[in-house]
């Protein structure tokens, strides 16, 4: 699971077979796709 580690860990009931990898950015629905993938 890639995302905000604090938010995700706060929602998990247990971490069996789940690895949380922290990411500092999010591509939003209004972001320009190719530009966002290349820059974020």
ModelCIF file with pLDDT and N, C-alpha, C, O atoms, coordinates in Angstrom:
data_MODEL
#
_entry.id   MODEL 
#
_entity.id                         1 
_entity.type                       polymer 
_entity.pdbx_number_of_molecules   1 
#
_entity_poly.entity_id                      1 
_entity_poly.type                           'polypeptide(L)' 
_entity_poly.nstd_linkage                   no 
_entity_poly.nstd_monomer                   no 
_entity_poly.pdbx_seq_one_letter_code       
;(UNK)(UNK)(UNK)(UNK)(UNK)(UNK)(UNK)(UNK)(UNK)(UNK)(UNK)(UNK)(UNK)(UNK)(UNK)(UNK)
(UNK)(UNK)(UNK)(UNK)(UNK)(UNK)(UNK)(UNK)(UNK)(UNK)(UNK)(UNK)(UNK)(UNK)(UNK)(UNK)
(UNK)(UNK)(UNK)(UNK)(UNK)(UNK)(UNK)(UNK)
;
_entity_poly.pdbx_seq_one_letter_code_can   XXXXXXXXXXXXXXXXXXXXXXXXXXXXXXXXXXXXXXXX 
_entity_poly.pdbx_strand_id                 A 
#
loop_
_entity_poly_seq.entity_id 
_entity_poly_seq.num 
_entity_poly_seq.mon_id 
_entity_poly_seq.hetero 
1 1  UNK n 
1 2  UNK n 
1 3  UNK n 
1 4  UNK n 
1 5  UNK n 
1 6  UNK n 
1 7  UNK n 
1 8  UNK n 
1 9  UNK n 
1 10 UNK n 
1 11 UNK n 
1 12 UNK n 
1 13 UNK n 
1 14 UNK n 
1 15 UNK n 
1 16 UNK n 
1 17 UNK n 
1 18 UNK n 
1 19 UNK n 
1 20 UNK n 
1 21 UNK n 
1 22 UNK n 
1 23 UNK n 
1 24 UNK n 
1 25 UNK n 
1 26 UNK n 
1 27 UNK n 
1 28 UNK n 
1 29 UNK n 
1 30 UNK n 
1 31 UNK n 
1 32 UNK n 
1 33 UNK n 
1 34 UNK n 
1 35 UNK n 
1 36 UNK n 
1 37 UNK n 
1 38 UNK n 
1 39 UNK n 
1 40 UNK n 
#
_struct_asym.id          A 
_struct_asym.entity_id   1 
#
loop_
_ma_qa_metric.id 
_ma_qa_metric.mode 
_ma_qa_metric.name 
_ma_qa_metric.software_group_id 
_ma_qa_metric.type 
1 global pLDDT . pLDDT 
2 local  pLDDT . pLDDT 
#
_ma_qa_metric_global.metric_id      1 
_ma_qa_metric_global.metric_value   95.25 
_ma_qa_metric_global.model_id       1 
_ma_qa_metric_global.ordinal_id     1 
#
loop_
_ma_qa_metric_local.label_asym_id 
_ma_qa_metric_local.label_comp_id 
_ma_qa_metric_local.label_seq_id 
_ma_qa_metric_local.metric_id 
_ma_qa_metric_local.metric_value 
_ma_qa_metric_local.model_id 
_ma_qa_metric_local.ordinal_id 
A UNK 1  2 98.00 1 1  
A UNK 2  2 98.00 1 2  
A UNK 3  2 97.00 1 3  
A UNK 4  2 96.00 1 4  
A UNK 5  2 96.00 1 5  
A UNK 6  2 96.00 1 6  
A UNK 7  2 96.00 1 7  
A UNK 8  2 97.00 1 8  
A UNK 9  2 96.00 1 9  
A UNK 10 2 96.00 1 10 
A UNK 11 2 97.00 1 11 
A UNK 12 2 96.00 1 12 
A UNK 13 2 94.00 1 13 
A UNK 14 2 94.00 1 14 
A UNK 15 2 94.00 1 15 
A UNK 16 2 96.00 1 16 
A UNK 17 2 96.00 1 17 
A UNK 18 2 97.00 1 18 
A UNK 19 2 97.00 1 19 
A UNK 20 2 97.00 1 20 
A UNK 21 2 97.00 1 21 
A UNK 22 2 97.00 1 22 
A UNK 23 2 96.00 1 23 
A UNK 24 2 95.00 1 24 
A UNK 25 2 95.00 1 25 
A UNK 26 2 95.00 1 26 
A UNK 27 2 95.00 1 27 
A UNK 28 2 92.00 1 28 
A UNK 29 2 89.00 1 29 
A UNK 30 2 90.00 1 30 
A UNK 31 2 92.00 1 31 
A UNK 32 2 94.00 1 32 
A UNK 33 2 93.00 1 33 
A UNK 34 2 94.00 1 34 
A UNK 35 2 95.00 1 35 
A UNK 36 2 95.00 1 36 
A UNK 37 2 96.00 1 37 
A UNK 38 2 95.00 1 38 
A UNK 39 2 95.00 1 39 
A UNK 40 2 96.00 1 40 
#
loop_
_atom_site.group_PDB 
_atom_site.id 
_atom_site.type_symbol 
_atom_site.label_atom_id 
_atom_site.label_alt_id 
_atom_site.label_comp_id 
_atom_site.label_asym_id 
_atom_site.label_entity_id 
_atom_site.label_seq_id 
_atom_site.pdbx_PDB_ins_code 
_atom_site.Cartn_x 
_atom_site.Cartn_y 
_atom_site.Cartn_z 
_atom_site.occupancy 
_atom_site.B_iso_or_equiv 
_atom_site.pdbx_formal_charge 
_atom_site.auth_seq_id 
_atom_site.auth_comp_id 
_atom_site.auth_asym_id 
_atom_site.auth_atom_id 
_atom_site.pdbx_PDB_model_num 
ATOM 1   N N  . UNK A 1 1  ? 0.844  -1.190 0.000   1.00 98.00 ? 1  UNK A N  1 
ATOM 2   C CA . UNK A 1 1  ? 0.000  0.000  0.000   1.00 98.00 ? 1  UNK A CA 1 
ATOM 3   C C  . UNK A 1 1  ? 0.881  1.242  0.000   1.00 98.00 ? 1  UNK A C  1 
ATOM 4   O O  . UNK A 1 1  ? 1.636  1.477  0.944   1.00 98.00 ? 1  UNK A O  1 
ATOM 5   N N  . UNK A 1 2  ? 0.782  2.039  -1.068  1.00 98.00 ? 2  UNK A N  1 
ATOM 6   C CA . UNK A 1 2  ? 1.575  3.253  -1.199  1.00 98.00 ? 2  UNK A CA 1 
ATOM 7   C C  . UNK A 1 2  ? 0.707  4.463  -0.876  1.00 98.00 ? 2  UNK A C  1 
ATOM 8   O O  . UNK A 1 2  ? -0.373 4.638  -1.439  1.00 98.00 ? 2  UNK A O  1 
ATOM 9   N N  . UNK A 1 3  ? 1.201  5.301  0.047   1.00 97.00 ? 3  UNK A N  1 
ATOM 10  C CA . UNK A 1 3  ? 0.440  6.476  0.420   1.00 97.00 ? 3  UNK A CA 1 
ATOM 11  C C  . UNK A 1 3  ? 0.905  7.067  1.730   1.00 97.00 ? 3  UNK A C  1 
ATOM 12  O O  . UNK A 1 3  ? 2.012  6.791  2.193   1.00 97.00 ? 3  UNK A O  1 
ATOM 13  N N  . UNK A 1 4  ? 0.049  7.883  2.327   1.00 96.00 ? 4  UNK A N  1 
ATOM 14  C CA . UNK A 1 4  ? 0.361  8.524  3.599   1.00 96.00 ? 4  UNK A CA 1 
ATOM 15  C C  . UNK A 1 4  ? 0.386  7.469  4.702   1.00 96.00 ? 4  UNK A C  1 
ATOM 16  O O  . UNK A 1 4  ? -0.650 6.927  5.086   1.00 96.00 ? 4  UNK A O  1 
ATOM 17  N N  . UNK A 1 5  ? 1.581  7.191  5.199   1.00 96.00 ? 5  UNK A N  1 
ATOM 18  C CA . UNK A 1 5  ? 1.775  6.109  6.169   1.00 96.00 ? 5  UNK A CA 1 
ATOM 19  C C  . UNK A 1 5  ? 0.934  6.298  7.433   1.00 96.00 ? 5  UNK A C  1 
ATOM 20  O O  . UNK A 1 5  ? 0.369  5.335  7.951   1.00 96.00 ? 5  UNK A O  1 
ATOM 21  N N  . UNK A 1 6  ? 0.852  7.513  7.920   1.00 96.00 ? 6  UNK A N  1 
ATOM 22  C CA . UNK A 1 6  ? 0.107  7.785  9.147   1.00 96.00 ? 6  UNK A CA 1 
ATOM 23  C C  . UNK A 1 6  ? -1.378 7.502  8.956   1.00 96.00 ? 6  UNK A C  1 
ATOM 24  O O  . UNK A 1 6  ? -2.008 6.871  9.804   1.00 96.00 ? 6  UNK A O  1 
ATOM 25  N N  . UNK A 1 7  ? -1.940 7.974  7.835   1.00 96.00 ? 7  UNK A N  1 
ATOM 26  C CA . UNK A 1 7  ? -3.363 7.755  7.573   1.00 96.00 ? 7  UNK A CA 1 
ATOM 27  C C  . UNK A 1 7  ? -3.675 6.263  7.391   1.00 96.00 ? 7  UNK A C  1 
ATOM 28  O O  . UNK A 1 7  ? -4.642 5.749  7.952   1.00 96.00 ? 7  UNK A O  1 
ATOM 29  N N  . UNK A 1 8  ? -2.859 5.594  6.617   1.00 97.00 ? 8  UNK A N  1 
ATOM 30  C CA . UNK A 1 8  ? -3.115 4.180  6.313   1.00 97.00 ? 8  UNK A CA 1 
ATOM 31  C C  . UNK A 1 8  ? -2.995 3.322  7.562   1.00 97.00 ? 8  UNK A C  1 
ATOM 32  O O  . UNK A 1 8  ? -3.856 2.482  7.823   1.00 97.00 ? 8  UNK A O  1 
ATOM 33  N N  . UNK A 1 9  ? -1.939 3.524  8.334   1.00 96.00 ? 9  UNK A N  1 
ATOM 34  C CA . UNK A 1 9  ? -1.748 2.731  9.556   1.00 96.00 ? 9  UNK A CA 1 
ATOM 35  C C  . UNK A 1 9  ? -2.882 2.957  10.551  1.00 96.00 ? 9  UNK A C  1 
ATOM 36  O O  . UNK A 1 9  ? -3.243 2.053  11.304  1.00 96.00 ? 9  UNK A O  1 
ATOM 37  N N  . UNK A 1 10 ? -3.437 4.157  10.551  1.00 96.00 ? 10 UNK A N  1 
ATOM 38  C CA . UNK A 1 10 ? -4.542 4.449  11.458  1.00 96.00 ? 10 UNK A CA 1 
ATOM 39  C C  . UNK A 1 10 ? -5.832 3.748  11.075  1.00 96.00 ? 10 UNK A C  1 
ATOM 40  O O  . UNK A 1 10 ? -6.742 3.631  11.896  1.00 96.00 ? 10 UNK A O  1 
ATOM 41  N N  . UNK A 1 11 ? -5.921 3.281  9.835   1.00 97.00 ? 11 UNK A N  1 
ATOM 42  C CA . UNK A 1 11 ? -7.120 2.597  9.351   1.00 97.00 ? 11 UNK A CA 1 
ATOM 43  C C  . UNK A 1 11 ? -7.009 1.087  9.369   1.00 97.00 ? 11 UNK A C  1 
ATOM 44  O O  . UNK A 1 11 ? -8.024 0.389  9.395   1.00 97.00 ? 11 UNK A O  1 
ATOM 45  N N  . UNK A 1 12 ? -5.791 0.574  9.354   1.00 96.00 ? 12 UNK A N  1 
ATOM 46  C CA . UNK A 1 12 ? -5.585 -0.875 9.299   1.00 96.00 ? 12 UNK A CA 1 
ATOM 47  C C  . UNK A 1 12 ? -5.971 -1.562 10.611  1.00 96.00 ? 12 UNK A C  1 
ATOM 48  O O  . UNK A 1 12 ? -5.617 -1.105 11.698  1.00 96.00 ? 12 UNK A O  1 
ATOM 49  N N  . UNK A 1 13 ? -6.709 -2.673 10.481  1.00 94.00 ? 13 UNK A N  1 
ATOM 50  C CA . UNK A 1 13 ? -7.046 -3.471 11.660  1.00 94.00 ? 13 UNK A CA 1 
ATOM 51  C C  . UNK A 1 13 ? -5.853 -4.309 12.072  1.00 94.00 ? 13 UNK A C  1 
ATOM 52  O O  . UNK A 1 13 ? -5.578 -4.475 13.261  1.00 94.00 ? 13 UNK A O  1 
ATOM 53  N N  . UNK A 1 14 ? -5.138 -4.841 11.073  1.00 94.00 ? 14 UNK A N  1 
ATOM 54  C CA . UNK A 1 14 ? -3.866 -5.519 11.321  1.00 94.00 ? 14 UNK A CA 1 
ATOM 55  C C  . UNK A 1 14 ? -3.059 -5.490 10.036  1.00 94.00 ? 14 UNK A C  1 
ATOM 56  O O  . UNK A 1 14 ? -3.614 -5.278 8.958   1.00 94.00 ? 14 UNK A O  1 
ATOM 57  N N  . UNK A 1 15 ? -1.755 -5.701 10.139  1.00 94.00 ? 15 UNK A N  1 
ATOM 58  C CA . UNK A 1 15 ? -0.859 -5.552 8.989   1.00 94.00 ? 15 UNK A CA 1 
ATOM 59  C C  . UNK A 1 15 ? -0.389 -6.898 8.434   1.00 94.00 ? 15 UNK A C  1 
ATOM 60  O O  . UNK A 1 15 ? 0.640  -6.976 7.762   1.00 94.00 ? 15 UNK A O  1 
ATOM 61  N N  . UNK A 1 16 ? -1.138 -7.936 8.716   1.00 96.00 ? 16 UNK A N  1 
ATOM 62  C CA . UNK A 1 16 ? -0.789 -9.247 8.177   1.00 96.00 ? 16 UNK A CA 1 
ATOM 63  C C  . UNK A 1 16 ? -0.795 -9.212 6.653   1.00 96.00 ? 16 UNK A C  1 
ATOM 64  O O  . UNK A 1 16 ? -1.822 -8.902 6.049   1.00 96.00 ? 16 UNK A O  1 
ATOM 65  N N  . UNK A 1 17 ? 0.315  -9.519 6.036   1.00 96.00 ? 17 UNK A N  1 
ATOM 66  C CA . UNK A 1 17 ? 0.522  -9.541 4.592   1.00 96.00 ? 17 UNK A CA 1 
ATOM 67  C C  . UNK A 1 17 ? 0.232  -8.197 3.918   1.00 96.00 ? 17 UNK A C  1 
ATOM 68  O O  . UNK A 1 17 ? -0.097 -8.140 2.733   1.00 96.00 ? 17 UNK A O  1 
ATOM 69  N N  . UNK A 1 18 ? 0.359  -7.127 4.691   1.00 97.00 ? 18 UNK A N  1 
ATOM 70  C CA . UNK A 1 18 ? 0.212  -5.775 4.150   1.00 97.00 ? 18 UNK A CA 1 
ATOM 71  C C  . UNK A 1 18 ? 1.449  -4.966 4.518   1.00 97.00 ? 18 UNK A C  1 
ATOM 72  O O  . UNK A 1 18 ? 1.810  -4.871 5.691   1.00 97.00 ? 18 UNK A O  1 
ATOM 73  N N  . UNK A 1 19 ? 2.090  -4.389 3.523   1.00 97.00 ? 19 UNK A N  1 
ATOM 74  C CA . UNK A 1 19 ? 3.252  -3.531 3.743   1.00 97.00 ? 19 UNK A CA 1 
ATOM 75  C C  . UNK A 1 19 ? 2.886  -2.115 3.314   1.00 97.00 ? 19 UNK A C  1 
ATOM 76  O O  . UNK A 1 19 ? 2.440  -1.893 2.188   1.00 97.00 ? 19 UNK A O  1 
ATOM 77  N N  . UNK A 1 20 ? 3.075  -1.175 4.206   1.00 97.00 ? 20 UNK A N  1 
ATOM 78  C CA . UNK A 1 20 ? 2.777  0.221  3.906   1.00 97.00 ? 20 UNK A CA 1 
ATOM 79  C C  . UNK A 1 20 ? 4.063  0.935  3.501   1.00 97.00 ? 20 UNK A C  1 
ATOM 80  O O  . UNK A 1 20 ? 5.048  0.926  4.239   1.00 97.00 ? 20 UNK A O  1 
ATOM 81  N N  . UNK A 1 21 ? 4.043  1.553  2.323   1.00 97.00 ? 21 UNK A N  1 
ATOM 82  C CA . UNK A 1 21 ? 5.203  2.302  1.828   1.00 97.00 ? 21 UNK A CA 1 
ATOM 83  C C  . UNK A 1 21 ? 4.812  3.779  1.755   1.00 97.00 ? 21 UNK A C  1 
ATOM 84  O O  . UNK A 1 21 ? 3.892  4.146  1.024   1.00 97.00 ? 21 UNK A O  1 
ATOM 85  N N  . UNK A 1 22 ? 5.504  4.611  2.504   1.00 97.00 ? 22 UNK A N  1 
ATOM 86  C CA . UNK A 1 22 ? 5.129  6.021  2.584   1.00 97.00 ? 22 UNK A CA 1 
ATOM 87  C C  . UNK A 1 22 ? 5.437  6.767  1.285   1.00 97.00 ? 22 UNK A C  1 
ATOM 88  O O  . UNK A 1 22 ? 6.504  6.600  0.694   1.00 97.00 ? 22 UNK A O  1 
ATOM 89  N N  . UNK A 1 23 ? 4.488  7.585  0.859   1.00 96.00 ? 23 UNK A N  1 
ATOM 90  C CA . UNK A 1 23 ? 4.689  8.478  -0.282  1.00 96.00 ? 23 UNK A CA 1 
ATOM 91  C C  . UNK A 1 23 ? 4.305  9.884  0.166   1.00 96.00 ? 23 UNK A C  1 
ATOM 92  O O  . UNK A 1 23 ? 3.344  10.069 0.912   1.00 96.00 ? 23 UNK A O  1 
ATOM 93  N N  . UNK A 1 24 ? 5.056  10.860 -0.291  1.00 95.00 ? 24 UNK A N  1 
ATOM 94  C CA . UNK A 1 24 ? 4.845  12.231 0.159   1.00 95.00 ? 24 UNK A CA 1 
ATOM 95  C C  . UNK A 1 24 ? 3.948  13.045 -0.765  1.00 95.00 ? 24 UNK A C  1 
ATOM 96  O O  . UNK A 1 24 ? 3.594  14.181 -0.450  1.00 95.00 ? 24 UNK A O  1 
ATOM 97  N N  . UNK A 1 25 ? 3.573  12.453 -1.931  1.00 95.00 ? 25 UNK A N  1 
ATOM 98  C CA . UNK A 1 25 ? 2.765  13.182 -2.899  1.00 95.00 ? 25 UNK A CA 1 
ATOM 99  C C  . UNK A 1 25 ? 1.560  12.359 -3.341  1.00 95.00 ? 25 UNK A C  1 
ATOM 100 O O  . UNK A 1 25 ? 1.542  11.134 -3.214  1.00 95.00 ? 25 UNK A O  1 
ATOM 101 N N  . UNK A 1 26 ? 0.555  13.059 -3.863  1.00 95.00 ? 26 UNK A N  1 
ATOM 102 C CA . UNK A 1 26 ? -0.655 12.423 -4.393  1.00 95.00 ? 26 UNK A CA 1 
ATOM 103 C C  . UNK A 1 26 ? -0.985 13.066 -5.735  1.00 95.00 ? 26 UNK A C  1 
ATOM 104 O O  . UNK A 1 26 ? -0.935 14.288 -5.871  1.00 95.00 ? 26 UNK A O  1 
ATOM 105 N N  . UNK A 1 27 ? -1.319 12.248 -6.720  1.00 95.00 ? 27 UNK A N  1 
ATOM 106 C CA . UNK A 1 27 ? -1.786 12.773 -8.002  1.00 95.00 ? 27 UNK A CA 1 
ATOM 107 C C  . UNK A 1 27 ? -3.296 12.924 -7.906  1.00 95.00 ? 27 UNK A C  1 
ATOM 108 O O  . UNK A 1 27 ? -4.021 11.943 -7.743  1.00 95.00 ? 27 UNK A O  1 
ATOM 109 N N  . UNK A 1 28 ? -3.759 14.152 -8.008  1.00 92.00 ? 28 UNK A N  1 
ATOM 110 C CA . UNK A 1 28 ? -5.183 14.430 -7.859  1.00 92.00 ? 28 UNK A CA 1 
ATOM 111 C C  . UNK A 1 28 ? -5.965 14.196 -9.138  1.00 92.00 ? 28 UNK A C  1 
ATOM 112 O O  . UNK A 1 28 ? -5.385 14.009 -10.208 1.00 92.00 ? 28 UNK A O  1 
ATOM 113 N N  . UNK A 1 29 ? -7.277 14.207 -9.020  1.00 89.00 ? 29 UNK A N  1 
ATOM 114 C CA . UNK A 1 29 ? -8.150 13.974 -10.166 1.00 89.00 ? 29 UNK A CA 1 
ATOM 115 C C  . UNK A 1 29 ? -8.028 15.076 -11.224 1.00 89.00 ? 29 UNK A C  1 
ATOM 116 O O  . UNK A 1 29 ? -8.294 14.834 -12.401 1.00 89.00 ? 29 UNK A O  1 
ATOM 117 N N  . UNK A 1 30 ? -7.630 16.276 -10.813 1.00 90.00 ? 30 UNK A N  1 
ATOM 118 C CA . UNK A 1 30 ? -7.547 17.389 -11.752 1.00 90.00 ? 30 UNK A CA 1 
ATOM 119 C C  . UNK A 1 30 ? -6.138 17.617 -12.291 1.00 90.00 ? 30 UNK A C  1 
ATOM 120 O O  . UNK A 1 30 ? -5.920 18.524 -13.094 1.00 90.00 ? 30 UNK A O  1 
ATOM 121 N N  . UNK A 1 31 ? -5.186 16.802 -11.856 1.00 92.00 ? 31 UNK A N  1 
ATOM 122 C CA . UNK A 1 31 ? -3.817 16.938 -12.357 1.00 92.00 ? 31 UNK A CA 1 
ATOM 123 C C  . UNK A 1 31 ? -3.732 16.505 -13.815 1.00 92.00 ? 31 UNK A C  1 
ATOM 124 O O  . UNK A 1 31 ? -4.428 15.579 -14.231 1.00 92.00 ? 31 UNK A O  1 
ATOM 125 N N  . UNK A 1 32 ? -2.881 17.172 -14.591 1.00 94.00 ? 32 UNK A N  1 
ATOM 126 C CA . UNK A 1 32 ? -2.644 16.776 -15.976 1.00 94.00 ? 32 UNK A CA 1 
ATOM 127 C C  . UNK A 1 32 ? -1.862 15.462 -15.940 1.00 94.00 ? 32 UNK A C  1 
ATOM 128 O O  . UNK A 1 32 ? -0.763 15.423 -15.388 1.00 94.00 ? 32 UNK A O  1 
ATOM 129 N N  . UNK A 1 33 ? -2.405 14.385 -16.516 1.00 93.00 ? 33 UNK A N  1 
ATOM 130 C CA . UNK A 1 33 ? -1.866 13.036 -16.319 1.00 93.00 ? 33 UNK A CA 1 
ATOM 131 C C  . UNK A 1 33 ? -0.378 12.844 -16.586 1.00 93.00 ? 33 UNK A C  1 
ATOM 132 O O  . UNK A 1 33 ? 0.366  12.476 -15.677 1.00 93.00 ? 33 UNK A O  1 
ATOM 133 N N  . UNK A 1 34 ? 0.066  13.086 -17.807 1.00 94.00 ? 34 UNK A N  1 
ATOM 134 C CA . UNK A 1 34 ? 1.462  12.803 -18.163 1.00 94.00 ? 34 UNK A CA 1 
ATOM 135 C C  . UNK A 1 34 ? 2.411  13.694 -17.364 1.00 94.00 ? 34 UNK A C  1 
ATOM 136 O O  . UNK A 1 34 ? 3.441  13.232 -16.872 1.00 94.00 ? 34 UNK A O  1 
ATOM 137 N N  . UNK A 1 35 ? 2.062  14.959 -17.241 1.00 95.00 ? 35 UNK A N  1 
ATOM 138 C CA . UNK A 1 35 ? 2.892  15.906 -16.487 1.00 95.00 ? 35 UNK A CA 1 
ATOM 139 C C  . UNK A 1 35 ? 3.013  15.466 -15.033 1.00 95.00 ? 35 UNK A C  1 
ATOM 140 O O  . UNK A 1 35 ? 4.098  15.528 -14.455 1.00 95.00 ? 35 UNK A O  1 
ATOM 141 N N  . UNK A 1 36 ? 1.908  15.024 -14.439 1.00 95.00 ? 36 UNK A N  1 
ATOM 142 C CA . UNK A 1 36 ? 1.915  14.605 -13.038 1.00 95.00 ? 36 UNK A CA 1 
ATOM 143 C C  . UNK A 1 36 ? 2.771  13.355 -12.833 1.00 95.00 ? 36 UNK A C  1 
ATOM 144 O O  . UNK A 1 36 ? 3.520  13.265 -11.860 1.00 95.00 ? 36 UNK A O  1 
ATOM 145 N N  . UNK A 1 37 ? 2.659  12.397 -13.745 1.00 96.00 ? 37 UNK A N  1 
ATOM 146 C CA . UNK A 1 37 ? 3.441  11.159 -13.629 1.00 96.00 ? 37 UNK A CA 1 
ATOM 147 C C  . UNK A 1 37 ? 4.933  11.455 -13.731 1.00 96.00 ? 37 UNK A C  1 
ATOM 148 O O  . UNK A 1 37 ? 5.741  10.835 -13.040 1.00 96.00 ? 37 UNK A O  1 
ATOM 149 N N  . UNK A 1 38 ? 5.296  12.400 -14.590 1.00 95.00 ? 38 UNK A N  1 
ATOM 150 C CA . UNK A 1 38 ? 6.708  12.722 -14.782 1.00 95.00 ? 38 UNK A CA 1 
ATOM 151 C C  . UNK A 1 38 ? 7.291  13.580 -13.665 1.00 95.00 ? 38 UNK A C  1 
ATOM 152 O O  . UNK A 1 38 ? 8.479  13.479 -13.358 1.00 95.00 ? 38 UNK A O  1 
ATOM 153 N N  . UNK A 1 39 ? 6.447  14.433 -13.048 1.00 95.00 ? 39 UNK A N  1 
ATOM 154 C CA . UNK A 1 39 ? 6.962  15.363 -12.034 1.00 95.00 ? 39 UNK A CA 1 
ATOM 155 C C  . UNK A 1 39 ? 6.775  14.865 -10.600 1.00 95.00 ? 39 UNK A C  1 
ATOM 156 O O  . UNK A 1 39 ? 7.614  15.123 -9.737  1.00 95.00 ? 39 UNK A O  1 
ATOM 157 N N  . UNK A 1 40 ? 5.685  14.158 -10.348 1.00 96.00 ? 40 UNK A N  1 
ATOM 158 C CA . UNK A 1 40 ? 5.425  13.703 -8.978  1.00 96.00 ? 40 UNK A CA 1 
ATOM 159 C C  . UNK A 1 40 ? 5.985  12.290 -8.764  1.00 96.00 ? 40 UNK A C  1 
ATOM 160 O O  . UNK A 1 40 ? 5.862  11.737 -7.671  1.00 96.00 ? 40 UNK A O  1 
#
